[in-house]
C-alpha atoms as a PDB file:
ATOM      1  CA  MET A   1     -55.011 -65.500  49.756  1.00  0.00           C
ATOM      2  CA  ASP A   2     -55.845 -65.042  45.866  1.00  0.00           C
ATOM      3  CA  GLU A   3     -57.872 -61.436  47.601  1.00  0.00           C
ATOM      4  CA  ALA A   4     -54.629 -60.775  49.020  1.00  0.00           C
ATOM      5  CA  HIS A   5     -52.622 -61.223  45.792  1.00  0.00           C
ATOM      6  CA  ARG A   6     -54.907 -59.713  43.928  1.00  0.00           C
ATOM      7  CA  SER A   7     -55.416 -56.487  45.821  1.00  0.00           C
ATOM      8  CA  ARG A   8     -51.226 -56.356  45.543  1.00  0.00           C
ATOM      9  CA  PHE A   9     -51.089 -56.822  42.160  1.00  0.00           C
ATOM     10  CA  ALA A  10     -54.049 -54.066  41.990  1.00  0.00           C
ATOM     11  CA  ARG A  11     -51.692 -51.622  43.978  1.00  0.00           C
ATOM     12  CA  ALA A  12     -48.654 -52.191  41.874  1.00  0.00           C
ATOM     13  CA  SER A  13     -50.162 -51.782  38.640  1.00  0.00           C
ATOM     14  CA  TRP A  14     -51.907 -48.467  40.271  1.00  0.00           C
ATOM     15  CA  VAL A  15     -48.487 -46.927  41.361  1.00  0.00           C
ATOM     16  CA  ASN A  16     -46.892 -47.558  37.693  1.00  0.00           C
ATOM     17  CA  VAL A  17     -50.308 -46.360  35.820  1.00  0.00           C
ATOM     18  CA  LEU A  18     -49.363 -43.089  38.379  1.00  0.00           C
ATOM     19  CA  GLY A  19     -46.060 -43.076  38.211  1.00  0.00           C
ATOM     20  CA  ASN A  20     -46.073 -42.926  34.566  1.00  0.00           C
ATOM     21  CA  ALA A  21     -48.612 -40.302  34.363  1.00  0.00           C
ATOM     22  CA  VAL A  22     -46.109 -38.160  36.524  1.00  0.00           C
ATOM     23  CA  LYS A  23     -43.367 -38.248  34.174  1.00  0.00           C
ATOM     24  CA  ILE A  24     -45.454 -37.912  30.757  1.00  0.00           C
ATOM     25  CA  ILE A  25     -46.642 -34.731  32.684  1.00  0.00           C
ATOM     26  CA  VAL A  26     -43.034 -33.122  33.721  1.00  0.00           C
ATOM     27  CA  GLU A  27     -41.254 -34.427  30.539  1.00  0.00           C
ATOM     28  CA  GLY A  28     -43.897 -32.970  28.624  1.00  0.00           C
ATOM     29  CA  VAL A  29     -44.532 -29.106  30.102  1.00  0.00           C
ATOM     30  CA  ALA A  30     -40.546 -29.410  30.241  1.00  0.00           C
ATOM     31  CA  GLY A  31     -40.109 -30.752  26.560  1.00  0.00           C
ATOM     32  CA  LEU A  32     -42.601 -27.810  25.027  1.00  0.00           C
ATOM     33  CA  ALA A  33     -41.141 -24.940  27.227  1.00  0.00           C
ATOM     34  CA  PHE A  34     -37.828 -25.665  26.491  1.00  0.00           C
ATOM     35  CA  GLY A  35     -38.133 -26.977  22.489  1.00  0.00           C
ATOM     36  CA  SER A  36     -36.797 -30.205  23.375  1.00  0.00           C
ATOM     37  CA  VAL A  37     -37.425 -33.080  21.230  1.00  0.00           C
ATOM     38  CA  ALA A  38     -35.552 -35.893  23.167  1.00  0.00           C
ATOM     39  CA  LEU A  39     -37.904 -34.796  26.446  1.00  0.00           C
ATOM     40  CA  LEU A  40     -41.012 -35.144  24.407  1.00  0.00           C
ATOM     41  CA  ALA A  41     -39.856 -38.156  22.753  1.00  0.00           C
ATOM     42  CA  ASP A  42     -39.356 -40.051  26.307  1.00  0.00           C
ATOM     43  CA  ALA A  43     -42.496 -38.423  27.342  1.00  0.00           C
ATOM     44  CA  ALA A  44     -44.108 -39.882  24.212  1.00  0.00           C
ATOM     45  CA  HIS A  45     -42.542 -43.354  25.003  1.00  0.00           C
ATOM     46  CA  SER A  46     -44.029 -42.984  28.285  1.00  0.00           C
ATOM     47  CA  ILE A  47     -47.557 -42.643  26.684  1.00  0.00           C
ATOM     48  CA  ALA A  48     -47.320 -46.059  25.658  1.00  0.00           C
ATOM     49  CA  ASP A  49     -45.964 -47.201  29.129  1.00  0.00           C
ATOM     50  CA  LEU A  50     -49.225 -46.037  30.545  1.00  0.00           C
ATOM     51  CA  VAL A  51     -51.473 -47.629  28.130  1.00  0.00           C
ATOM     52  CA  ALA A  52     -49.381 -50.835  29.055  1.00  0.00           C
ATOM     53  CA  SER A  53     -49.469 -50.345  32.711  1.00  0.00           C
ATOM     54  CA  VAL A  54     -53.600 -49.535  32.330  1.00  0.00           C
ATOM     55  CA  VAL A  55     -53.900 -52.920  30.698  1.00  0.00           C
ATOM     56  CA  VAL A  56     -52.526 -54.841  33.090  1.00  0.00           C
ATOM     57  CA  LEU A  57     -54.056 -53.032  36.026  1.00  0.00           C
ATOM     58  CA  ILE A  58     -57.643 -54.250  33.884  1.00  0.00           C
ATOM     59  CA  TRP A  59     -57.136 -57.251  32.175  1.00  0.00           C
ATOM     60  CA  GLY A  60     -54.043 -59.353  34.376  1.00  0.00           C
ATOM     61  CA  GLN A  61     -56.833 -59.344  37.728  1.00  0.00           C
ATOM     62  CA  ALA A  62     -58.410 -61.729  36.038  1.00  0.00           C
ATOM     63  CA  GLN A  63     -55.748 -64.256  36.526  1.00  0.00           C
ATOM     64  CA  PHE A  64     -57.035 -64.055  40.148  1.00  0.00           C
ATOM     65  CA  LYS A  65     -60.455 -65.262  39.056  1.00  0.00           C
ATOM     66  CA  ASP A  66     -61.722 -69.021  40.301  1.00  0.00           C
ATOM     67  CA  PRO A  67     -62.428 -71.460  37.048  1.00  0.00           C
ATOM     68  CA  ASP A  68     -66.143 -71.340  35.718  1.00  0.00           C
ATOM     69  CA  SER A  69     -68.188 -73.137  33.445  1.00  0.00           C
ATOM     70  CA  THR A  70     -66.155 -71.565  30.394  1.00  0.00           C
ATOM     71  CA  HIS A  71     -62.596 -71.697  31.896  1.00  0.00           C
ATOM     72  CA  PRO A  72     -62.366 -74.940  33.739  1.00  0.00           C
ATOM     73  CA  HIS A  73     -58.750 -74.647  34.682  1.00  0.00           C
ATOM     74  CA  GLY A  74     -58.856 -70.920  35.735  1.00  0.00           C
ATOM     75  CA  HIS A  75     -57.796 -68.048  34.069  1.00  0.00           C
ATOM     76  CA  SER A  76     -53.724 -68.457  34.844  1.00  0.00           C
ATOM     77  CA  ARG A  77     -52.904 -68.064  30.848  1.00  0.00           C
ATOM     78  CA  ILE A  78     -54.185 -64.044  30.934  1.00  0.00           C
ATOM     79  CA  GLU A  79     -51.360 -63.065  33.005  1.00  0.00           C
ATOM     80  CA  PRO A  80     -49.220 -64.437  30.146  1.00  0.00           C
ATOM     81  CA  LEU A  81     -51.189 -62.553  27.554  1.00  0.00           C
ATOM     82  CA  THR A  82     -50.929 -59.280  29.673  1.00  0.00           C
ATOM     83  CA  ALA A  83     -47.293 -59.356  29.415  1.00  0.00           C
ATOM     84  CA  LEU A  84     -47.030 -60.481  25.724  1.00  0.00           C
ATOM     85  CA  PHE A  85     -48.988 -57.219  25.103  1.00  0.00           C
ATOM     86  CA  VAL A  86     -46.379 -55.302  27.553  1.00  0.00           C
ATOM     87  CA  GLY A  87     -43.574 -57.052  25.636  1.00  0.00           C
ATOM     88  CA  VAL A  88     -45.055 -56.161  22.507  1.00  0.00           C
ATOM     89  CA  ALA A  89     -45.710 -52.617  23.205  1.00  0.00           C
ATOM     90  CA  ILE A  90     -41.760 -52.053  24.283  1.00  0.00           C
ATOM     91  CA  THR A  91     -40.435 -53.875  21.162  1.00  0.00           C
ATOM     92  CA  LEU A  92     -42.625 -50.984  18.926  1.00  0.00           C
ATOM     93  CA  LEU A  93     -41.189 -48.602  21.565  1.00  0.00           C
ATOM     94  CA  GLY A  94     -37.888 -49.409  20.896  1.00  0.00           C
ATOM     95  CA  LEU A  95     -37.957 -49.134  17.458  1.00  0.00           C
ATOM     96  CA  ASN A  96     -39.906 -45.794  16.958  1.00  0.00           C
ATOM     97  CA  LEU A  97     -36.435 -44.631  19.549  1.00  0.00           C
ATOM     98  CA  LEU A  98     -34.614 -46.114  17.460  1.00  0.00           C
ATOM     99  CA  TYR A  99     -35.813 -44.273  14.379  1.00  0.00           C
ATOM    100  CA  GLU A 100     -36.461 -41.052  16.719  1.00  0.00           C
ATOM    101  CA  SER A 101     -32.315 -41.468  16.946  1.00  0.00           C
ATOM    102  CA  ILE A 102     -31.793 -41.745  13.389  1.00  0.00           C
ATOM    103  CA  GLN A 103     -33.760 -38.587  12.201  1.00  0.00           C
ATOM    104  CA  GLY A 104     -31.795 -36.984  14.927  1.00  0.00           C
ATOM    105  CA  LEU A 105     -28.573 -37.803  13.641  1.00  0.00           C
ATOM    106  CA  LEU A 106     -29.891 -36.567  10.594  1.00  0.00           C
ATOM    107  CA  ALA A 107     -30.977 -33.589  11.655  1.00  0.00           C
ATOM    108  CA  ASP A 108     -29.325 -29.573  11.510  1.00  0.00           C
ATOM    109  CA  GLU A 109     -30.744 -28.562  14.608  1.00  0.00           C
ATOM    110  CA  PHE A 110     -30.213 -28.925  17.977  1.00  0.00           C
ATOM    111  CA  ILE A 111     -31.877 -27.973  21.162  1.00  0.00           C
ATOM    112  CA  GLU A 112     -31.088 -25.103  23.138  1.00  0.00           C
ATOM    113  CA  PHE A 113     -29.276 -26.234  26.493  1.00  0.00           C
ATOM    114  CA  SER A 114     -30.903 -25.523  30.406  1.00  0.00           C
ATOM    115  CA  TYR A 115     -30.474 -26.949  33.624  1.00  0.00           C
ATOM    116  CA  LEU A 116     -34.349 -27.279  34.480  1.00  0.00           C
ATOM    117  CA  LEU A 117     -34.404 -29.711  31.054  1.00  0.00           C
ATOM    118  CA  LEU A 118     -31.958 -31.802  33.529  1.00  0.00           C
ATOM    119  CA  GLY A 119     -34.010 -31.545  36.462  1.00  0.00           C
ATOM    120  CA  ALA A 120     -36.826 -32.828  34.590  1.00  0.00           C
ATOM    121  CA  ILE A 121     -35.309 -36.011  33.750  1.00  0.00           C
ATOM    122  CA  GLY A 122     -33.363 -36.315  36.999  1.00  0.00           C
ATOM    123  CA  PHE A 123     -37.226 -36.472  38.170  1.00  0.00           C
ATOM    124  CA  ALA A 124     -38.308 -38.700  35.795  1.00  0.00           C
ATOM    125  CA  ILE A 125     -35.576 -40.970  36.773  1.00  0.00           C
ATOM    126  CA  VAL A 126     -36.406 -41.262  40.357  1.00  0.00           C
ATOM    127  CA  ASP A 127     -39.719 -41.644  39.779  1.00  0.00           C
ATOM    128  CA  MET A 128     -39.202 -44.351  37.500  1.00  0.00           C
ATOM    129  CA  TYR A 129     -36.384 -45.693  39.803  1.00  0.00           C
ATOM    130  CA  ALA A 130     -39.486 -45.996  43.008  1.00  0.00           C
ATOM    131  CA  VAL A 131     -41.979 -47.370  40.807  1.00  0.00           C
ATOM    132  CA  TYR A 132     -39.499 -50.039  39.875  1.00  0.00           C
ATOM    133  CA  TRP A 133     -38.332 -50.801  43.425  1.00  0.00           C
ATOM    134  CA  TYR A 134     -42.229 -50.832  44.575  1.00  0.00           C
ATOM    135  CA  THR A 135     -43.060 -53.179  41.985  1.00  0.00           C
ATOM    136  CA  GLU A 136     -39.698 -55.698  42.349  1.00  0.00           C
ATOM    137  CA  GLN A 137     -40.749 -55.711  46.229  1.00  0.00           C
ATOM    138  CA  VAL A 138     -44.375 -56.644  45.713  1.00  0.00           C
ATOM    139  CA  ASN A 139     -43.654 -58.977  42.856  1.00  0.00           C
ATOM    140  CA  ALA A 140     -41.081 -60.855  45.369  1.00  0.00           C
ATOM    141  CA  ASP A 141     -43.738 -63.384  46.500  1.00  0.00           C
ATOM    142  CA  LEU A 142     -46.097 -62.965  43.749  1.00  0.00           C
ATOM    143  CA  GLY A 143     -44.081 -63.956  41.105  1.00  0.00           C
ATOM    144  CA  SER A 144     -46.523 -62.434  38.316  1.00  0.00           C
ATOM    145  CA  THR A 145     -45.018 -61.990  34.353  1.00  0.00           C
ATOM    146  CA  ALA A 146     -47.169 -58.665  34.119  1.00  0.00           C
ATOM    147  CA  LEU A 147     -46.066 -57.311  36.665  1.00  0.00           C
ATOM    148  CA  SER A 148     -42.058 -58.155  36.269  1.00  0.00           C
ATOM    149  CA  ALA A 149     -43.037 -57.131  32.147  1.00  0.00           C
ATOM    150  CA  LEU A 150     -43.981 -53.567  33.898  1.00  0.00           C
ATOM    151  CA  ALA A 151     -40.840 -53.481  35.962  1.00  0.00           C
ATOM    152  CA  LYS A 152     -38.439 -53.916  33.495  1.00  0.00           C
ATOM    153  CA  ASP A 153     -40.188 -51.485  31.334  1.00  0.00           C
ATOM    154  CA  CYS A 154     -39.743 -49.245  34.293  1.00  0.00           C
ATOM    155  CA  LEU A 155     -35.800 -50.040  33.677  1.00  0.00           C
ATOM    156  CA  ASN A 156     -36.246 -49.178  29.959  1.00  0.00           C
ATOM    157  CA  ASP A 157     -37.147 -45.672  30.993  1.00  0.00           C
ATOM    158  CA  ILE A 158     -34.337 -44.912  33.453  1.00  0.00           C
ATOM    159  CA  TYR A 159     -32.513 -45.821  30.470  1.00  0.00           C
ATOM    160  CA  THR A 160     -33.656 -43.875  27.988  1.00  0.00           C
ATOM    161  CA  SER A 161     -33.413 -41.279  30.255  1.00  0.00           C
ATOM    162  CA  ILE A 162     -30.131 -41.332  31.051  1.00  0.00           C
ATOM    163  CA  ALA A 163     -29.941 -41.296  27.048  1.00  0.00           C
ATOM    164  CA  VAL A 164     -31.118 -37.845  27.020  1.00  0.00           C
ATOM    165  CA  ILE A 165     -29.170 -36.668  30.207  1.00  0.00           C
ATOM    166  CA  ALA A 166     -26.571 -37.659  27.605  1.00  0.00           C
ATOM    167  CA  GLY A 167     -27.627 -35.652  24.548  1.00  0.00           C
ATOM    168  CA  VAL A 168     -28.514 -32.971  26.672  1.00  0.00           C
ATOM    169  CA  LEU A 169     -24.906 -32.638  28.196  1.00  0.00           C
ATOM    170  CA  GLY A 170     -23.332 -32.985  24.998  1.00  0.00           C
ATOM    171  CA  VAL A 171     -25.275 -29.932  23.884  1.00  0.00           C
ATOM    172  CA  LEU A 172     -23.959 -28.090  27.008  1.00  0.00           C
ATOM    173  CA  VAL A 173     -20.499 -29.042  26.347  1.00  0.00           C
ATOM    174  CA  GLY A 174     -20.760 -28.240  22.120  1.00  0.00           C
ATOM    175  CA  TYR A 175     -21.734 -32.070  21.359  1.00  0.00           C
ATOM    176  CA  PRO A 176     -25.043 -32.767  20.341  1.00  0.00           C
ATOM    177  CA  ILE A 177     -24.760 -35.525  18.386  1.00  0.00           C
ATOM    178  CA  LEU A 178     -24.045 -37.104  21.711  1.00  0.00           C
ATOM    179  CA  ASP A 179     -27.715 -36.939  22.215  1.00  0.00           C
ATOM    180  CA  PRO A 180     -29.716 -38.988  18.401  1.00  0.00           C
ATOM    181  CA  LEU A 181     -26.276 -41.330  19.227  1.00  0.00           C
ATOM    182  CA  ALA A 182     -27.169 -42.015  22.752  1.00  0.00           C
ATOM    183  CA  GLY A 183     -30.563 -42.563  21.819  1.00  0.00           C
ATOM    184  CA  GLY A 184     -29.754 -45.443  19.262  1.00  0.00           C
ATOM    185  CA  LEU A 185     -27.685 -47.501  21.567  1.00  0.00           C
ATOM    186  CA  VAL A 186     -30.347 -47.431  24.397  1.00  0.00           C
ATOM    187  CA  SER A 187     -33.195 -47.518  21.588  1.00  0.00           C
ATOM    188  CA  LEU A 188     -31.347 -51.378  20.835  1.00  0.00           C
ATOM    189  CA  LEU A 189     -31.413 -52.655  24.477  1.00  0.00           C
ATOM    190  CA  VAL A 190     -34.937 -51.753  24.686  1.00  0.00           C
ATOM    191  CA  VAL A 191     -36.029 -53.224  21.694  1.00  0.00           C
ATOM    192  CA  TYR A 192     -34.254 -56.549  22.985  1.00  0.00           C
ATOM    193  CA  GLN A 193     -35.679 -56.998  26.136  1.00  0.00           C
ATOM    194  CA  GLY A 194     -39.037 -56.185  24.879  1.00  0.00           C
ATOM    195  CA  PHE A 195     -38.357 -59.817  22.761  1.00  0.00           C
ATOM    196  CA  SER A 196     -37.639 -61.205  25.420  1.00  0.00           C
ATOM    197  CA  ILE A 197     -40.607 -60.977  27.166  1.00  0.00           C
ATOM    198  CA  GLY A 198     -42.738 -61.357  24.409  1.00  0.00           C
ATOM    199  CA  ARG A 199     -40.318 -64.895  23.686  1.00  0.00           C
ATOM    200  CA  GLU A 200     -40.734 -65.798  27.097  1.00  0.00           C
ATOM    201  CA  ASN A 201     -44.244 -65.302  27.421  1.00  0.00           C
ATOM    202  CA  ILE A 202     -45.616 -67.022  24.238  1.00  0.00           C
ATOM    203  CA  THR A 203     -43.474 -70.214  25.772  1.00  0.00           C
ATOM    204  CA  TYR A 204     -46.161 -69.968  28.669  1.00  0.00           C
ATOM    205  CA  LEU A 205     -49.485 -69.489  26.143  1.00  0.00           C
ATOM    206  CA  VAL A 206     -48.530 -72.171  23.515  1.00  0.00           C
ATOM    207  CA  GLY A 207     -48.017 -75.023  26.221  1.00  0.00           C
ATOM    208  CA  GLY A 208     -44.101 -75.307  25.845  1.00  0.00           C
ATOM    209  CA  ALA A 209     -41.761 -77.024  27.112  1.00  0.00           C
ATOM    210  CA  PRO A 210     -39.856 -76.622  30.483  1.00  0.00           C
ATOM    211  CA  SER A 211     -35.737 -76.476  30.681  1.00  0.00           C
ATOM    212  CA  ASP A 212     -34.161 -79.795  30.440  1.00  0.00           C
ATOM    213  CA  GLU A 213     -33.254 -78.966  34.564  1.00  0.00           C
ATOM    214  CA  GLN A 214     -36.660 -78.739  35.269  1.00  0.00           C
ATOM    215  CA  ARG A 215     -37.983 -82.146  33.830  1.00  0.00           C
ATOM    216  CA  THR A 216     -35.338 -84.007  35.145  1.00  0.00           C
ATOM    217  CA  ALA A 217     -35.852 -82.815  38.975  1.00  0.00           C
ATOM    218  CA  VAL A 218     -39.746 -83.744  37.786  1.00  0.00           C
ATOM    219  CA  GLN A 219     -38.364 -87.434  36.602  1.00  0.00           C
ATOM    220  CA  GLN A 220     -35.897 -87.755  39.471  1.00  0.00           C
ATOM    221  CA  THR A 221     -38.974 -86.697  42.277  1.00  0.00           C
ATOM    222  CA  LEU A 222     -41.360 -89.504  40.310  1.00  0.00           C
ATOM    223  CA  LEU A 223     -38.427 -92.509  41.094  1.00  0.00           C
ATOM    224  CA  SER A 224     -37.886 -91.293  44.168  1.00  0.00           C
ATOM    225  CA  HIS A 225     -40.934 -92.989  45.462  1.00  0.00           C
ATOM    226  CA  PRO A 226     -39.840 -96.133  46.712  1.00  0.00           C
ATOM    227  CA  ASP A 227     -42.694 -97.823  44.998  1.00  0.00           C
ATOM    228  CA  VAL A 228     -41.801 -96.643  41.823  1.00  0.00           C
ATOM    229  CA  GLU A 229     -40.359 -98.635  39.542  1.00  0.00           C
ATOM    230  CA  GLY A 230     -40.470 -96.964  36.394  1.00  0.00           C
ATOM    231  CA  ILE A 231     -42.341 -94.326  34.623  1.00  0.00           C
ATOM    232  CA  HIS A 232     -43.251 -93.631  31.128  1.00  0.00           C
ATOM    233  CA  ASP A 233     -44.899 -91.563  28.527  1.00  0.00           C
ATOM    234  CA  LEU A 234     -44.378 -88.025  31.109  1.00  0.00           C
ATOM    235  CA  VAL A 235     -45.294 -84.956  29.757  1.00  0.00           C
ATOM    236  CA  VAL A 236     -44.354 -81.522  31.432  1.00  0.00           C
ATOM    237  CA  PHE A 237     -45.495 -78.287  30.017  1.00  0.00           C
ATOM    238  CA  TYR A 238     -46.455 -74.716  30.659  1.00  0.00           C
ATOM    239  CA  ASP A 239     -50.090 -74.316  31.614  1.00  0.00           C
ATOM    240  CA  GLY A 240     -49.880 -70.421  31.799  1.00  0.00           C
ATOM    241  CA  THR A 241     -46.937 -69.646  33.671  1.00  0.00           C
ATOM    242  CA  VAL A 242     -46.954 -72.851  36.020  1.00  0.00           C
ATOM    243  CA  LEU A 243     -46.199 -76.420  34.954  1.00  0.00           C
ATOM    244  CA  GLU A 244     -48.717 -79.327  34.377  1.00  0.00           C
ATOM    245  CA  VAL A 245     -47.166 -82.392  34.632  1.00  0.00           C
ATOM    246  CA  GLU A 246     -48.960 -85.662  32.908  1.00  0.00           C
ATOM    247  CA  VAL A 247     -47.164 -89.381  33.828  1.00  0.00           C
ATOM    248  CA  HIS A 248     -47.671 -93.082  34.115  1.00  0.00           C
ATOM    249  CA  ALA A 249     -45.574 -94.401  36.872  1.00  0.00           C
ATOM    250  CA  GLU A 250     -45.095 -98.243  37.234  1.00  0.00           C
ATOM    251  CA  VAL A 251     -46.101-100.340  40.622  1.00  0.00           C
ATOM    252  CA  ASP A 252     -46.290-103.362  41.829  1.00  0.00           C
ATOM    253  CA  GLY A 253     -49.346-104.871  39.997  1.00  0.00           C
ATOM    254  CA  GLU A 254     -50.320-106.595  43.373  1.00  0.00           C
ATOM    255  CA  LEU A 255     -51.029-103.592  45.374  1.00  0.00           C
ATOM    256  CA  SER A 256     -54.183-103.168  46.894  1.00  0.00           C
ATOM    257  CA  LEU A 257     -56.925-100.818  45.151  1.00  0.00           C
ATOM    258  CA  ARG A 258     -56.431 -98.737  48.406  1.00  0.00           C
ATOM    259  CA  ASP A 259     -52.566 -99.268  48.587  1.00  0.00           C
ATOM    260  CA  ALA A 260     -52.254 -97.695  44.602  1.00  0.00           C
ATOM    261  CA  HIS A 261     -54.730 -95.276  45.546  1.00  0.00           C
ATOM    262  CA  GLU A 262     -52.194 -93.857  48.510  1.00  0.00           C
ATOM    263  CA  VAL A 263     -49.196 -94.313  45.957  1.00  0.00           C
ATOM    264  CA  GLU A 264     -50.632 -91.681  43.392  1.00  0.00           C
ATOM    265  CA  THR A 265     -52.134 -89.517  45.795  1.00  0.00           C
ATOM    266  CA  GLU A 266     -48.329 -89.184  47.610  1.00  0.00           C
ATOM    267  CA  LEU A 267     -47.081 -88.707  43.426  1.00  0.00           C
ATOM    268  CA  VAL A 268     -48.986 -86.077  42.984  1.00  0.00           C
ATOM    269  CA  ASP A 269     -48.323 -83.984  46.373  1.00  0.00           C
ATOM    270  CA  MET A 270     -44.546 -84.619  45.814  1.00  0.00           C
ATOM    271  CA  LEU A 271     -44.846 -83.420  41.640  1.00  0.00           C
ATOM    272  CA  ARG A 272     -47.327 -80.244  43.213  1.00  0.00           C
ATOM    273  CA  ALA A 273     -44.516 -79.632  45.780  1.00  0.00           C
ATOM    274  CA  GLU A 274     -42.302 -79.296  43.130  1.00  0.00           C
ATOM    275  CA  GLU A 275     -41.275 -75.323  42.514  1.00  0.00           C
ATOM    276  CA  GLY A 276     -43.055 -74.055  39.206  1.00  0.00           C
ATOM    277  CA  VAL A 277     -45.421 -77.234  39.547  1.00  0.00           C
ATOM    278  CA  GLY A 278     -48.966 -76.104  39.580  1.00  0.00           C
ATOM    279  CA  ASP A 279     -50.624 -79.629  38.720  1.00  0.00           C
ATOM    280  CA  ALA A 280     -49.904 -83.125  37.864  1.00  0.00           C
ATOM    281  CA  HIS A 281     -52.030 -85.909  36.865  1.00  0.00           C
ATOM    282  CA  VAL A 282     -50.528 -89.732  37.209  1.00  0.00           C
ATOM    283  CA  HIS A 283     -51.742 -93.086  36.066  1.00  0.00           C
ATOM    284  CA  LEU A 284     -50.393 -95.867  37.827  1.00  0.00           C
ATOM    285  CA  ASP A 285     -49.833 -99.225  35.738  1.00  0.00           C
ATOM    286  CA  PRO A 286     -48.404-102.631  36.569  1.00  0.00           C
ATOM    287  CA  SER A 287     -44.880-102.620  35.790  1.00  0.00           C
ATOM    288  CA  GLY A 288     -43.920-105.073  33.485  1.00  0.00           C
ATOM    289  CA  VAL A 289     -47.000-104.540  31.191  1.00  0.00           C
ATOM    290  CA  GLY A 290     -45.358-102.614  28.870  1.00  0.00           C
ATOM    291  CA  GLU A 291     -47.903-100.840  27.272  1.00  0.00           C
ATOM    292  CA  TRP A 292     -47.427 -97.033  25.779  1.00  0.00           C
ATOM    293  CA  LYS A 293     -43.535 -97.039  27.132  1.00  0.00           C
ATOM    294  CA  GLU A 294     -41.491 -94.771  25.235  1.00  0.00           C
ATOM    295  CA  ALA A 295     -38.262 -94.655  27.289  1.00  0.00           C
ATOM    296  CA  SER A 296     -36.513 -97.505  29.069  1.00  0.00           C
ATOM    297  CA  GLU A 297     -34.381 -95.895  30.373  1.00  0.00           C
ATOM    298  CA  TRP A 298     -36.555 -94.081  33.101  1.00  0.00           C
ATOM    299  CA  THR A 299     -37.155 -97.334  34.469  1.00  0.00           C
ATOM    300  CA  LEU A 300     -35.022 -98.689  37.389  1.00  0.00           C
END
């Protein structure tokens, strides 16, 4: 299964690399031919996207490696680290686009309209939507944060290309200032999305806590077992993009060792079946001892 996932991840990454490369060529040639700063800026924007795609292609596949002596818990944190790189790149690109938009507002010279410019931008939009659609289809069952970041970046490219269309049409109807204005609005959206990607993946990297709803679901799963009389010292945190659970479960102290082992195994299996949970570590305590107890409301 991991090999199949690795193969699909690699194909989606390659599609992003090639899609960005084609967009850069088409917009770059059109921008140079007609002196369109907007198209050249959009092509330059895609150069950084291309770099991010290459990083995901090369670096992101490490997540599928098996645990080894240097990474006993596997390589799952490579993926959010890769996605964090993409988020930072998107944020920087958005800030650069905002700067270019401000410069455009202050400029005295504007481009000359050509329908070939619209053709190049239209091609770029179709190209990026196709890459976005394919990446989302592949990632529907992979759930990769790195591919999700690339898909969002494709949407950013579409938004910036739409802004370029607005600017080019503005030149056509005699309002060239629409170009930098539209670019400024889109750049703010790009910065926000890049920041959101980065914030999400920092949570994964630093072992942050999940939402209250996810933590409550874990509690309810543990307490639903008929032999569990209470729980304490529950810790739920992200290990990479999946959750890890550590908990002390209180059971009848008269249970035999074999029965206690079966209860522990059942609890681990129940937790691992929870959505988003990757692994669980359960320690059984005899009920009523009270050691380490933190929250009496977790006791039945």
